[in-house]
Amino acid sequence: EAAGAPSIKHFDVVEELGNGNYSSVYRVTRKADGAKFALKLVEKAQVDKIKKRHPNVHNEIKMEKRALAKLQDGPLGCHPNIIKCFQTFQDYYTLYYMQELCDGGEMWAQTLSADGARSGVPVHYSLARFWLSELVDAVEHVHGCGLVHRDIKPENMMLSGDGHVKLIDFGTAKDLKDADLNGPEVVGTPEF
């Protein structure tokens, strides 16, 4: 742990927001000032288990951090429709990504009916057009930074508290300038 780096002890965990193959995301409050964040936890032991069937998993974790840094700190600067990562840190068991909290939730939830069943997009046409225009703008920014997302889907789009799209999950991104972390050519989430 780097000197001065935050640790999990600096946060109160409020609730789990979601989880994936090797990570979980929690709503947290920083004890020092009450600021709210989404804290993504990547469990190192789980990553090592997954490595047997997914040999590129370590590169995906490193790519997430690199891509977010390029998208925020690169010559084009931050984009309002891409998730902000404020800091990363780790301890012996876990990697942490301290990210912007999106109180509007996952866009995927907007495509479900009230009982959780799949349905068509139950939002007004004008709202769908608005979200799509924000997504296109975000993707243009990603491409302008020399990256390709490669896994755009409703589960990888969050909504801010005021209803704006935030593109997330850059682990399977392709870096067109620094290809050392790029995974296989075919990536993403297959639909059956």
N, C-alpha and C. Protein backbone atom coordinates (compact mmCIF):
# COMPACT_ATOMS: atom_id res chain seq x y z
N GLU A 1 0.86 -1.19 0.00
CA GLU A 1 0.00 0.00 0.00
C GLU A 1 0.89 1.24 0.00
N ALA A 2 0.68 2.13 -0.93
CA ALA A 2 1.50 3.33 -1.06
C ALA A 2 1.22 4.30 0.08
N ALA A 3 2.26 5.01 0.48
CA ALA A 3 2.10 6.01 1.54
C ALA A 3 1.09 7.05 1.10
N GLY A 4 0.14 7.36 1.96
CA GLY A 4 -0.87 8.36 1.66
C GLY A 4 -2.04 7.86 0.83
N ALA A 5 -1.97 6.63 0.34
CA ALA A 5 -3.07 6.07 -0.45
C ALA A 5 -4.24 5.76 0.47
N PRO A 6 -5.46 5.87 -0.04
CA PRO A 6 -6.60 5.50 0.80
C PRO A 6 -6.61 3.99 1.05
N SER A 7 -7.40 3.59 1.98
CA SER A 7 -7.64 2.17 2.22
C SER A 7 -9.13 1.99 2.45
N ILE A 8 -9.56 0.76 2.46
CA ILE A 8 -10.97 0.47 2.65
C ILE A 8 -11.45 1.01 4.00
N LYS A 9 -10.53 1.18 4.94
CA LYS A 9 -10.88 1.70 6.27
C LYS A 9 -11.35 3.16 6.21
N HIS A 10 -11.05 3.84 5.11
CA HIS A 10 -11.46 5.24 4.98
C HIS A 10 -12.90 5.41 4.50
N PHE A 11 -13.61 4.30 4.30
CA PHE A 11 -14.96 4.35 3.72
C PHE A 11 -15.95 3.57 4.57
N ASP A 12 -17.18 4.03 4.57
CA ASP A 12 -18.31 3.26 5.10
C ASP A 12 -19.01 2.64 3.90
N VAL A 13 -19.18 1.33 3.92
CA VAL A 13 -19.88 0.63 2.83
C VAL A 13 -21.37 0.72 3.10
N VAL A 14 -22.10 1.28 2.14
CA VAL A 14 -23.54 1.50 2.30
C VAL A 14 -24.33 0.31 1.76
N GLU A 15 -24.03 -0.08 0.50
CA GLU A 15 -24.76 -1.19 -0.11
C GLU A 15 -24.02 -1.70 -1.33
N GLU A 16 -24.30 -2.95 -1.70
CA GLU A 16 -23.76 -3.50 -2.93
C GLU A 16 -24.62 -3.02 -4.09
N LEU A 17 -23.96 -2.55 -5.16
CA LEU A 17 -24.67 -2.08 -6.34
C LEU A 17 -24.71 -3.12 -7.45
N GLY A 18 -23.74 -4.02 -7.47
CA GLY A 18 -23.69 -5.04 -8.51
C GLY A 18 -22.43 -5.87 -8.39
N ASN A 19 -22.39 -6.96 -9.17
CA ASN A 19 -21.20 -7.80 -9.15
C ASN A 19 -21.02 -8.49 -10.49
N GLY A 20 -19.79 -8.92 -10.73
CA GLY A 20 -19.45 -9.61 -11.97
C GLY A 20 -18.66 -10.87 -11.67
N ASN A 21 -17.90 -11.33 -12.65
CA ASN A 21 -17.13 -12.57 -12.49
C ASN A 21 -16.09 -12.50 -11.39
N TYR A 22 -15.43 -11.37 -11.25
CA TYR A 22 -14.36 -11.25 -10.26
C TYR A 22 -14.38 -9.93 -9.52
N SER A 23 -15.46 -9.19 -9.63
CA SER A 23 -15.53 -7.90 -8.95
C SER A 23 -16.93 -7.63 -8.43
N SER A 24 -16.97 -6.71 -7.48
CA SER A 24 -18.23 -6.22 -6.93
C SER A 24 -18.12 -4.71 -6.82
N VAL A 25 -19.25 -4.03 -6.94
CA VAL A 25 -19.27 -2.58 -6.83
C VAL A 25 -20.19 -2.20 -5.68
N TYR A 26 -19.70 -1.30 -4.83
CA TYR A 26 -20.43 -0.88 -3.64
C TYR A 26 -20.60 0.64 -3.63
N ARG A 27 -21.73 1.07 -3.11
CA ARG A 27 -21.93 2.48 -2.79
C ARG A 27 -21.21 2.69 -1.46
N VAL A 28 -20.30 3.67 -1.43
CA VAL A 28 -19.54 3.95 -0.20
C VAL A 28 -19.58 5.43 0.09
N THR A 29 -19.32 5.75 1.35
CA THR A 29 -19.20 7.13 1.80
C THR A 29 -17.82 7.28 2.43
N ARG A 30 -17.08 8.30 2.00
CA ARG A 30 -15.77 8.55 2.59
C ARG A 30 -15.98 9.16 3.97
N LYS A 31 -15.37 8.56 4.98
CA LYS A 31 -15.57 8.97 6.37
C LYS A 31 -15.11 10.40 6.61
N ALA A 32 -14.05 10.83 5.96
CA ALA A 32 -13.46 12.15 6.23
C ALA A 32 -14.39 13.31 5.87
N ASP A 33 -15.14 13.16 4.78
CA ASP A 33 -15.94 14.30 4.32
C ASP A 33 -17.36 13.95 3.87
N GLY A 34 -17.73 12.69 3.94
CA GLY A 34 -19.09 12.29 3.56
C GLY A 34 -19.31 12.16 2.06
N ALA A 35 -18.25 12.33 1.26
CA ALA A 35 -18.39 12.21 -0.20
C ALA A 35 -18.78 10.78 -0.57
N LYS A 36 -19.64 10.67 -1.58
CA LYS A 36 -20.16 9.37 -2.00
C LYS A 36 -19.48 8.93 -3.29
N PHE A 37 -19.16 7.63 -3.37
CA PHE A 37 -18.48 7.06 -4.52
C PHE A 37 -19.03 5.67 -4.80
N ALA A 38 -18.72 5.16 -5.98
CA ALA A 38 -18.87 3.74 -6.28
C ALA A 38 -17.48 3.15 -6.14
N LEU A 39 -17.34 2.14 -5.32
CA LEU A 39 -16.05 1.50 -5.10
C LEU A 39 -16.09 0.10 -5.69
N LYS A 40 -15.29 -0.10 -6.75
CA LYS A 40 -15.22 -1.40 -7.40
C LYS A 40 -14.11 -2.20 -6.73
N LEU A 41 -14.46 -3.38 -6.25
CA LEU A 41 -13.52 -4.26 -5.58
C LEU A 41 -13.22 -5.45 -6.48
N VAL A 42 -11.95 -5.67 -6.77
CA VAL A 42 -11.51 -6.80 -7.57
C VAL A 42 -10.75 -7.72 -6.62
N GLU A 43 -11.32 -8.89 -6.34
CA GLU A 43 -10.70 -9.82 -5.40
C GLU A 43 -9.60 -10.60 -6.11
N LYS A 44 -8.37 -10.48 -5.59
CA LYS A 44 -7.21 -11.09 -6.23
C LYS A 44 -7.32 -12.62 -6.28
N ALA A 45 -7.83 -13.24 -5.23
CA ALA A 45 -7.97 -14.70 -5.22
C ALA A 45 -8.96 -15.17 -6.28
N GLN A 46 -10.04 -14.43 -6.46
CA GLN A 46 -11.04 -14.78 -7.49
C GLN A 46 -10.45 -14.63 -8.88
N VAL A 47 -9.63 -13.60 -9.07
CA VAL A 47 -8.97 -13.39 -10.36
C VAL A 47 -8.06 -14.58 -10.67
N ASP A 48 -7.33 -15.06 -9.66
CA ASP A 48 -6.44 -16.21 -9.88
C ASP A 48 -7.22 -17.47 -10.23
N LYS A 49 -8.40 -17.65 -9.66
CA LYS A 49 -9.25 -18.80 -10.01
C LYS A 49 -9.74 -18.70 -11.45
N ILE A 50 -10.14 -17.52 -11.84
CA ILE A 50 -10.68 -17.30 -13.19
C ILE A 50 -9.59 -17.43 -14.25
N LYS A 51 -8.34 -17.15 -13.86
CA LYS A 51 -7.24 -17.17 -14.82
C LYS A 51 -7.12 -18.51 -15.54
N LYS A 52 -7.51 -19.59 -14.89
CA LYS A 52 -7.42 -20.92 -15.50
C LYS A 52 -8.28 -21.02 -16.76
N ARG A 53 -9.47 -20.43 -16.74
CA ARG A 53 -10.35 -20.50 -17.91
C ARG A 53 -10.38 -19.21 -18.72
N HIS A 54 -9.79 -18.15 -18.16
CA HIS A 54 -9.77 -16.84 -18.83
C HIS A 54 -8.36 -16.26 -18.68
N PRO A 55 -7.42 -16.72 -19.51
CA PRO A 55 -6.01 -16.36 -19.33
C PRO A 55 -5.70 -14.88 -19.50
N ASN A 56 -6.59 -14.09 -20.07
CA ASN A 56 -6.33 -12.68 -20.30
C ASN A 56 -6.86 -11.78 -19.16
N VAL A 57 -7.32 -12.36 -18.08
CA VAL A 57 -7.99 -11.58 -17.03
C VAL A 57 -7.07 -10.52 -16.41
N HIS A 58 -5.79 -10.82 -16.21
CA HIS A 58 -4.88 -9.83 -15.63
C HIS A 58 -4.72 -8.62 -16.56
N ASN A 59 -4.65 -8.90 -17.86
CA ASN A 59 -4.55 -7.79 -18.82
C ASN A 59 -5.82 -6.94 -18.81
N GLU A 60 -6.98 -7.58 -18.64
CA GLU A 60 -8.23 -6.82 -18.60
C GLU A 60 -8.26 -5.86 -17.40
N ILE A 61 -7.76 -6.31 -16.28
CA ILE A 61 -7.72 -5.46 -15.09
C ILE A 61 -6.78 -4.28 -15.33
N LYS A 62 -5.62 -4.56 -15.90
CA LYS A 62 -4.66 -3.48 -16.19
C LYS A 62 -5.21 -2.55 -17.28
N MET A 63 -5.91 -3.10 -18.26
CA MET A 63 -6.48 -2.29 -19.34
C MET A 63 -7.54 -1.33 -18.80
N GLU A 64 -8.36 -1.80 -17.87
CA GLU A 64 -9.38 -0.93 -17.27
C GLU A 64 -8.73 0.32 -16.70
N LYS A 65 -7.67 0.13 -15.93
CA LYS A 65 -6.99 1.27 -15.31
C LYS A 65 -6.34 2.16 -16.37
N ARG A 66 -5.67 1.56 -17.35
CA ARG A 66 -5.01 2.35 -18.39
C ARG A 66 -6.02 3.14 -19.22
N ALA A 67 -7.09 2.48 -19.63
CA ALA A 67 -8.09 3.14 -20.46
C ALA A 67 -8.73 4.31 -19.73
N LEU A 68 -9.10 4.11 -18.47
CA LEU A 68 -9.71 5.20 -17.71
C LEU A 68 -8.75 6.37 -17.56
N ALA A 69 -7.46 6.07 -17.36
CA ALA A 69 -6.47 7.14 -17.25
C ALA A 69 -6.35 7.90 -18.57
N LYS A 70 -6.29 7.18 -19.69
CA LYS A 70 -6.19 7.84 -20.99
C LYS A 70 -7.43 8.67 -21.29
N LEU A 71 -8.58 8.18 -20.89
CA LEU A 71 -9.83 8.88 -21.17
C LEU A 71 -10.01 10.12 -20.30
N GLN A 72 -9.35 10.18 -19.16
CA GLN A 72 -9.48 11.32 -18.26
C GLN A 72 -8.30 12.26 -18.34
N ASP A 73 -7.11 11.71 -18.42
CA ASP A 73 -5.89 12.51 -18.31
C ASP A 73 -5.23 12.77 -19.65
N GLY A 74 -5.75 12.19 -20.72
CA GLY A 74 -5.17 12.36 -22.04
C GLY A 74 -5.40 13.76 -22.58
N PRO A 75 -4.92 14.02 -23.78
CA PRO A 75 -5.02 15.36 -24.35
C PRO A 75 -6.46 15.85 -24.55
N LEU A 76 -7.42 14.92 -24.66
CA LEU A 76 -8.81 15.34 -24.84
C LEU A 76 -9.53 15.60 -23.52
N GLY A 77 -8.91 15.19 -22.40
CA GLY A 77 -9.49 15.44 -21.08
C GLY A 77 -10.70 14.56 -20.79
N CYS A 78 -11.37 14.86 -19.69
CA CYS A 78 -12.54 14.10 -19.25
C CYS A 78 -13.71 14.31 -20.21
N HIS A 79 -14.58 13.32 -20.24
CA HIS A 79 -15.80 13.42 -21.04
C HIS A 79 -16.98 13.20 -20.10
N PRO A 80 -18.04 13.99 -20.21
CA PRO A 80 -19.15 13.88 -19.27
C PRO A 80 -19.93 12.57 -19.36
N ASN A 81 -19.75 11.80 -20.44
CA ASN A 81 -20.50 10.56 -20.58
C ASN A 81 -19.65 9.32 -20.40
N ILE A 82 -18.50 9.48 -19.77
CA ILE A 82 -17.62 8.36 -19.44
C ILE A 82 -17.37 8.40 -17.94
N ILE A 83 -17.47 7.24 -17.30
CA ILE A 83 -17.29 7.15 -15.85
C ILE A 83 -15.94 7.74 -15.45
N LYS A 84 -15.92 8.47 -14.34
CA LYS A 84 -14.67 9.01 -13.82
C LYS A 84 -14.11 8.05 -12.77
N CYS A 85 -12.81 7.81 -12.88
CA CYS A 85 -12.12 7.02 -11.86
C CYS A 85 -11.20 7.98 -11.12
N PHE A 86 -11.48 8.20 -9.84
CA PHE A 86 -10.73 9.19 -9.07
C PHE A 86 -9.41 8.65 -8.58
N GLN A 87 -9.39 7.36 -8.24
CA GLN A 87 -8.17 6.80 -7.68
C GLN A 87 -8.26 5.28 -7.69
N THR A 88 -7.12 4.63 -7.76
CA THR A 88 -7.05 3.19 -7.56
C THR A 88 -6.09 2.94 -6.41
N PHE A 89 -6.34 1.87 -5.68
CA PHE A 89 -5.45 1.48 -4.60
C PHE A 89 -5.66 -0.01 -4.36
N GLN A 90 -4.83 -0.60 -3.52
CA GLN A 90 -4.94 -2.03 -3.25
C GLN A 90 -4.45 -2.36 -1.85
N ASP A 91 -4.88 -3.52 -1.40
CA ASP A 91 -4.30 -4.12 -0.21
C ASP A 91 -3.92 -5.55 -0.57
N TYR A 92 -3.62 -6.36 0.39
CA TYR A 92 -3.12 -7.70 0.10
C TYR A 92 -4.14 -8.55 -0.67
N TYR A 93 -5.42 -8.37 -0.41
CA TYR A 93 -6.46 -9.21 -0.98
C TYR A 93 -7.22 -8.61 -2.16
N THR A 94 -7.24 -7.29 -2.25
CA THR A 94 -8.19 -6.63 -3.14
C THR A 94 -7.58 -5.43 -3.87
N LEU A 95 -8.03 -5.25 -5.13
CA LEU A 95 -7.76 -4.02 -5.89
C LEU A 95 -9.02 -3.17 -5.80
N TYR A 96 -8.86 -1.86 -5.70
CA TYR A 96 -10.00 -0.95 -5.55
C TYR A 96 -9.95 0.12 -6.63
N TYR A 97 -11.11 0.41 -7.22
CA TYR A 97 -11.27 1.51 -8.16
C TYR A 97 -12.30 2.45 -7.54
N MET A 98 -11.87 3.63 -7.14
CA MET A 98 -12.77 4.62 -6.55
C MET A 98 -13.35 5.46 -7.69
N GLN A 99 -14.63 5.25 -7.99
CA GLN A 99 -15.24 5.84 -9.17
C GLN A 99 -16.43 6.73 -8.82
N GLU A 100 -16.82 7.48 -9.82
CA GLU A 100 -18.00 8.32 -9.74
C GLU A 100 -19.23 7.45 -9.47
N LEU A 101 -20.09 7.92 -8.59
CA LEU A 101 -21.33 7.22 -8.28
C LEU A 101 -22.41 7.65 -9.25
N CYS A 102 -23.06 6.68 -9.86
CA CYS A 102 -24.15 6.95 -10.82
C CYS A 102 -25.46 6.54 -10.17
N ASP A 103 -26.14 7.52 -9.57
CA ASP A 103 -27.37 7.24 -8.81
C ASP A 103 -28.55 6.82 -9.68
N GLY A 104 -28.46 7.00 -11.00
CA GLY A 104 -29.55 6.59 -11.88
C GLY A 104 -29.57 5.10 -12.14
N GLY A 105 -28.52 4.39 -11.74
CA GLY A 105 -28.46 2.94 -11.91
C GLY A 105 -28.01 2.51 -13.29
N GLU A 106 -28.13 1.22 -13.51
CA GLU A 106 -27.70 0.60 -14.76
C GLU A 106 -28.77 0.79 -15.83
N MET A 107 -28.35 1.10 -17.04
CA MET A 107 -29.32 1.28 -18.12
C MET A 107 -30.10 -0.01 -18.37
N TRP A 108 -29.47 -1.15 -18.15
CA TRP A 108 -30.14 -2.44 -18.35
C TRP A 108 -31.46 -2.47 -17.58
N ALA A 109 -31.47 -1.91 -16.38
CA ALA A 109 -32.69 -1.91 -15.57
C ALA A 109 -33.81 -1.14 -16.26
N GLN A 110 -33.48 -0.18 -17.12
CA GLN A 110 -34.48 0.59 -17.84
C GLN A 110 -35.14 -0.22 -18.96
N THR A 111 -34.56 -1.36 -19.31
CA THR A 111 -35.12 -2.20 -20.37
C THR A 111 -35.98 -3.34 -19.81
N LEU A 112 -36.21 -3.34 -18.52
CA LEU A 112 -36.99 -4.40 -17.88
C LEU A 112 -38.35 -3.85 -17.47
N SER A 113 -39.33 -4.72 -17.49
CA SER A 113 -40.65 -4.32 -16.98
C SER A 113 -40.61 -4.30 -15.46
N ALA A 114 -41.65 -3.83 -14.84
CA ALA A 114 -41.69 -3.68 -13.38
C ALA A 114 -41.45 -4.99 -12.64
N ASP A 115 -41.84 -6.14 -13.24
CA ASP A 115 -41.64 -7.42 -12.57
C ASP A 115 -40.26 -8.03 -12.89
N GLY A 116 -39.40 -7.29 -13.59
CA GLY A 116 -38.05 -7.77 -13.89
C GLY A 116 -37.94 -8.60 -15.15
N ALA A 117 -39.04 -8.81 -15.84
CA ALA A 117 -39.01 -9.60 -17.07
C ALA A 117 -38.46 -8.76 -18.22
N ARG A 118 -37.89 -9.41 -19.21
CA ARG A 118 -37.39 -8.68 -20.39
C ARG A 118 -38.57 -8.12 -21.17
N SER A 119 -38.35 -6.96 -21.69
CA SER A 119 -39.36 -6.34 -22.54
C SER A 119 -38.65 -5.42 -23.52
N GLY A 120 -39.39 -4.73 -24.33
CA GLY A 120 -38.79 -3.73 -25.19
C GLY A 120 -38.30 -2.58 -24.34
N VAL A 121 -37.67 -1.61 -24.92
CA VAL A 121 -37.20 -0.46 -24.16
C VAL A 121 -38.42 0.36 -23.73
N PRO A 122 -38.78 0.32 -22.44
CA PRO A 122 -40.00 0.99 -21.99
C PRO A 122 -39.79 2.46 -21.66
N VAL A 123 -39.00 3.15 -22.47
CA VAL A 123 -38.80 4.58 -22.28
C VAL A 123 -39.31 5.30 -23.52
N HIS A 124 -39.61 6.55 -23.34
CA HIS A 124 -40.12 7.33 -24.45
C HIS A 124 -39.05 7.44 -25.54
N TYR A 125 -39.51 7.49 -26.77
CA TYR A 125 -38.64 7.56 -27.94
C TYR A 125 -37.64 8.71 -27.82
N SER A 126 -38.08 9.86 -27.35
CA SER A 126 -37.19 11.03 -27.26
C SER A 126 -36.08 10.79 -26.23
N LEU A 127 -36.38 10.07 -25.15
CA LEU A 127 -35.37 9.75 -24.15
C LEU A 127 -34.36 8.75 -24.71
N ALA A 128 -34.84 7.75 -25.44
CA ALA A 128 -33.94 6.78 -26.06
C ALA A 128 -33.00 7.49 -27.04
N ARG A 129 -33.52 8.43 -27.82
CA ARG A 129 -32.69 9.21 -28.76
C ARG A 129 -31.65 10.03 -28.00
N PHE A 130 -32.04 10.61 -26.89
CA PHE A 130 -31.12 11.41 -26.07
C PHE A 130 -29.98 10.53 -25.56
N TRP A 131 -30.33 9.36 -24.99
CA TRP A 131 -29.30 8.45 -24.49
C TRP A 131 -28.38 7.98 -25.61
N LEU A 132 -28.95 7.68 -26.76
CA LEU A 132 -28.14 7.23 -27.88
C LEU A 132 -27.18 8.33 -28.34
N SER A 133 -27.63 9.56 -28.37
CA SER A 133 -26.75 10.65 -28.79
C SER A 133 -25.60 10.82 -27.80
N GLU A 134 -25.87 10.67 -26.51
CA GLU A 134 -24.80 10.74 -25.51
C GLU A 134 -23.83 9.59 -25.64
N LEU A 135 -24.36 8.40 -25.94
CA LEU A 135 -23.49 7.23 -26.14
C LEU A 135 -22.58 7.44 -27.35
N VAL A 136 -23.14 7.92 -28.45
CA VAL A 136 -22.33 8.17 -29.65
C VAL A 136 -21.25 9.19 -29.35
N ASP A 137 -21.58 10.23 -28.61
CA ASP A 137 -20.59 11.24 -28.24
C ASP A 137 -19.47 10.62 -27.40
N ALA A 138 -19.84 9.76 -26.45
CA ALA A 138 -18.84 9.09 -25.61
C ALA A 138 -17.94 8.18 -26.44
N VAL A 139 -18.53 7.43 -27.35
CA VAL A 139 -17.75 6.51 -28.20
C VAL A 139 -16.80 7.30 -29.10
N GLU A 140 -17.23 8.44 -29.61
CA GLU A 140 -16.34 9.29 -30.40
C GLU A 140 -15.14 9.73 -29.57
N HIS A 141 -15.37 10.06 -28.30
CA HIS A 141 -14.28 10.46 -27.41
C HIS A 141 -13.32 9.29 -27.19
N VAL A 142 -13.88 8.11 -26.96
CA VAL A 142 -13.06 6.91 -26.76
C VAL A 142 -12.17 6.69 -27.98
N HIS A 143 -12.75 6.76 -29.17
CA HIS A 143 -11.98 6.57 -30.40
C HIS A 143 -10.94 7.68 -30.57
N GLY A 144 -11.28 8.90 -30.21
CA GLY A 144 -10.34 10.02 -30.30
C GLY A 144 -9.14 9.85 -29.38
N CYS A 145 -9.30 9.05 -28.33
CA CYS A 145 -8.20 8.76 -27.41
C CYS A 145 -7.41 7.52 -27.83
N GLY A 146 -7.73 6.96 -29.00
CA GLY A 146 -7.00 5.80 -29.50
C GLY A 146 -7.44 4.48 -28.90
N LEU A 147 -8.68 4.42 -28.42
CA LEU A 147 -9.21 3.20 -27.80
C LEU A 147 -10.48 2.77 -28.52
N VAL A 148 -10.79 1.48 -28.41
CA VAL A 148 -12.05 0.91 -28.88
C VAL A 148 -12.64 0.15 -27.69
N HIS A 149 -13.89 0.43 -27.32
CA HIS A 149 -14.50 -0.17 -26.12
C HIS A 149 -14.66 -1.68 -26.25
N ARG A 150 -15.29 -2.15 -27.29
CA ARG A 150 -15.50 -3.57 -27.65
C ARG A 150 -16.51 -4.34 -26.80
N ASP A 151 -17.24 -3.71 -25.90
CA ASP A 151 -18.28 -4.43 -25.15
C ASP A 151 -19.41 -3.48 -24.77
N ILE A 152 -19.91 -2.74 -25.75
CA ILE A 152 -20.99 -1.79 -25.47
C ILE A 152 -22.32 -2.55 -25.41
N LYS A 153 -22.98 -2.40 -24.29
CA LYS A 153 -24.28 -3.05 -24.04
C LYS A 153 -24.94 -2.31 -22.89
N PRO A 154 -26.23 -2.48 -22.68
CA PRO A 154 -26.91 -1.74 -21.61
C PRO A 154 -26.32 -1.97 -20.22
N GLU A 155 -25.74 -3.15 -19.97
CA GLU A 155 -25.13 -3.43 -18.67
C GLU A 155 -23.86 -2.61 -18.46
N ASN A 156 -23.26 -2.09 -19.53
CA ASN A 156 -22.04 -1.29 -19.42
C ASN A 156 -22.31 0.20 -19.61
N MET A 157 -23.56 0.58 -19.36
CA MET A 157 -23.95 1.99 -19.38
C MET A 157 -24.71 2.28 -18.09
N MET A 158 -24.25 3.28 -17.39
CA MET A 158 -24.92 3.70 -16.17
C MET A 158 -25.62 5.02 -16.45
N LEU A 159 -26.49 5.41 -15.54
CA LEU A 159 -27.18 6.70 -15.64
C LEU A 159 -26.83 7.53 -14.41
N SER A 160 -26.45 8.77 -14.65
CA SER A 160 -26.19 9.67 -13.53
C SER A 160 -27.51 9.98 -12.83
N GLY A 161 -27.43 10.62 -11.69
CA GLY A 161 -28.64 10.98 -10.95
C GLY A 161 -29.58 11.87 -11.74
N ASP A 162 -29.02 12.66 -12.66
CA ASP A 162 -29.86 13.53 -13.48
C ASP A 162 -30.14 12.95 -14.87
N GLY A 163 -29.87 11.63 -15.04
CA GLY A 163 -30.32 10.93 -16.24
C GLY A 163 -29.37 10.91 -17.43
N HIS A 164 -28.11 11.27 -17.23
CA HIS A 164 -27.15 11.24 -18.34
C HIS A 164 -26.41 9.90 -18.39
N VAL A 165 -26.06 9.46 -19.60
CA VAL A 165 -25.37 8.20 -19.82
C VAL A 165 -23.92 8.31 -19.36
N LYS A 166 -23.43 7.23 -18.74
CA LYS A 166 -22.03 7.10 -18.35
C LYS A 166 -21.56 5.73 -18.84
N LEU A 167 -20.64 5.71 -19.77
CA LEU A 167 -20.08 4.47 -20.30
C LEU A 167 -19.06 3.93 -19.30
N ILE A 168 -19.15 2.63 -18.99
CA ILE A 168 -18.27 2.00 -18.00
C ILE A 168 -17.64 0.74 -18.59
N ASP A 169 -16.80 0.09 -17.81
CA ASP A 169 -16.22 -1.24 -18.06
C ASP A 169 -15.34 -1.27 -19.31
N PHE A 170 -14.12 -0.81 -19.14
CA PHE A 170 -13.16 -0.73 -20.24
C PHE A 170 -12.13 -1.85 -20.21
N GLY A 171 -12.41 -2.93 -19.49
CA GLY A 171 -11.46 -4.03 -19.38
C GLY A 171 -11.14 -4.73 -20.69
N THR A 172 -12.11 -4.82 -21.58
CA THR A 172 -11.88 -5.50 -22.86
C THR A 172 -11.57 -4.51 -23.98
N ALA A 173 -11.28 -3.26 -23.62
CA ALA A 173 -10.96 -2.25 -24.64
C ALA A 173 -9.71 -2.64 -25.41
N LYS A 174 -9.61 -2.11 -26.60
CA LYS A 174 -8.42 -2.29 -27.44
C LYS A 174 -7.72 -0.95 -27.52
N ASP A 175 -6.44 -0.94 -27.21
CA ASP A 175 -5.63 0.27 -27.28
C ASP A 175 -4.92 0.27 -28.63
N LEU A 176 -5.24 1.22 -29.47
CA LEU A 176 -4.69 1.26 -30.82
C LEU A 176 -3.27 1.79 -30.86
N LYS A 177 -2.79 2.38 -29.75
CA LYS A 177 -1.44 2.93 -29.71
C LYS A 177 -0.49 2.03 -28.92
N ASP A 178 -0.93 1.53 -27.78
CA ASP A 178 -0.11 0.67 -26.91
C ASP A 178 -0.80 -0.68 -26.81
N ALA A 179 -0.44 -1.60 -27.68
CA ALA A 179 -1.18 -2.86 -27.84
C ALA A 179 -0.77 -3.96 -26.87
N ASP A 180 0.12 -3.69 -25.93
CA ASP A 180 0.64 -4.75 -25.07
C ASP A 180 -0.42 -5.42 -24.19
N LEU A 181 -1.49 -4.73 -23.85
CA LEU A 181 -2.54 -5.31 -23.00
C LEU A 181 -3.76 -5.78 -23.78
N ASN A 182 -3.76 -5.58 -25.08
CA ASN A 182 -4.93 -5.98 -25.88
C ASN A 182 -5.10 -7.49 -25.80
N GLY A 183 -6.33 -7.89 -25.63
CA GLY A 183 -6.64 -9.31 -25.59
C GLY A 183 -6.85 -9.85 -26.99
N PRO A 184 -7.56 -10.96 -27.07
CA PRO A 184 -7.85 -11.53 -28.39
C PRO A 184 -8.71 -10.58 -29.21
N GLU A 185 -8.74 -10.80 -30.50
CA GLU A 185 -9.50 -9.92 -31.39
C GLU A 185 -11.00 -9.98 -31.14
N VAL A 186 -11.52 -11.15 -30.80
CA VAL A 186 -12.95 -11.28 -30.52
C VAL A 186 -13.14 -11.29 -29.01
N VAL A 187 -13.81 -10.26 -28.51
CA VAL A 187 -14.07 -10.14 -27.07
C VAL A 187 -15.50 -9.68 -26.88
N GLY A 188 -15.87 -9.48 -25.64
CA GLY A 188 -17.21 -8.97 -25.34
C GLY A 188 -18.09 -10.04 -24.75
N THR A 189 -19.36 -9.79 -24.78
CA THR A 189 -20.33 -10.67 -24.16
C THR A 189 -21.19 -11.30 -25.24
N PRO A 190 -21.09 -12.63 -25.42
CA PRO A 190 -21.94 -13.25 -26.44
C PRO A 190 -23.39 -13.29 -25.99
N GLU A 191 -24.28 -13.11 -26.93
CA GLU A 191 -25.72 -13.22 -26.65
C GLU A 191 -26.24 -14.49 -27.30
N PHE A 192 -26.99 -15.24 -26.55
CA PHE A 192 -27.55 -16.49 -27.09
C PHE A 192 -29.05 -16.39 -27.17
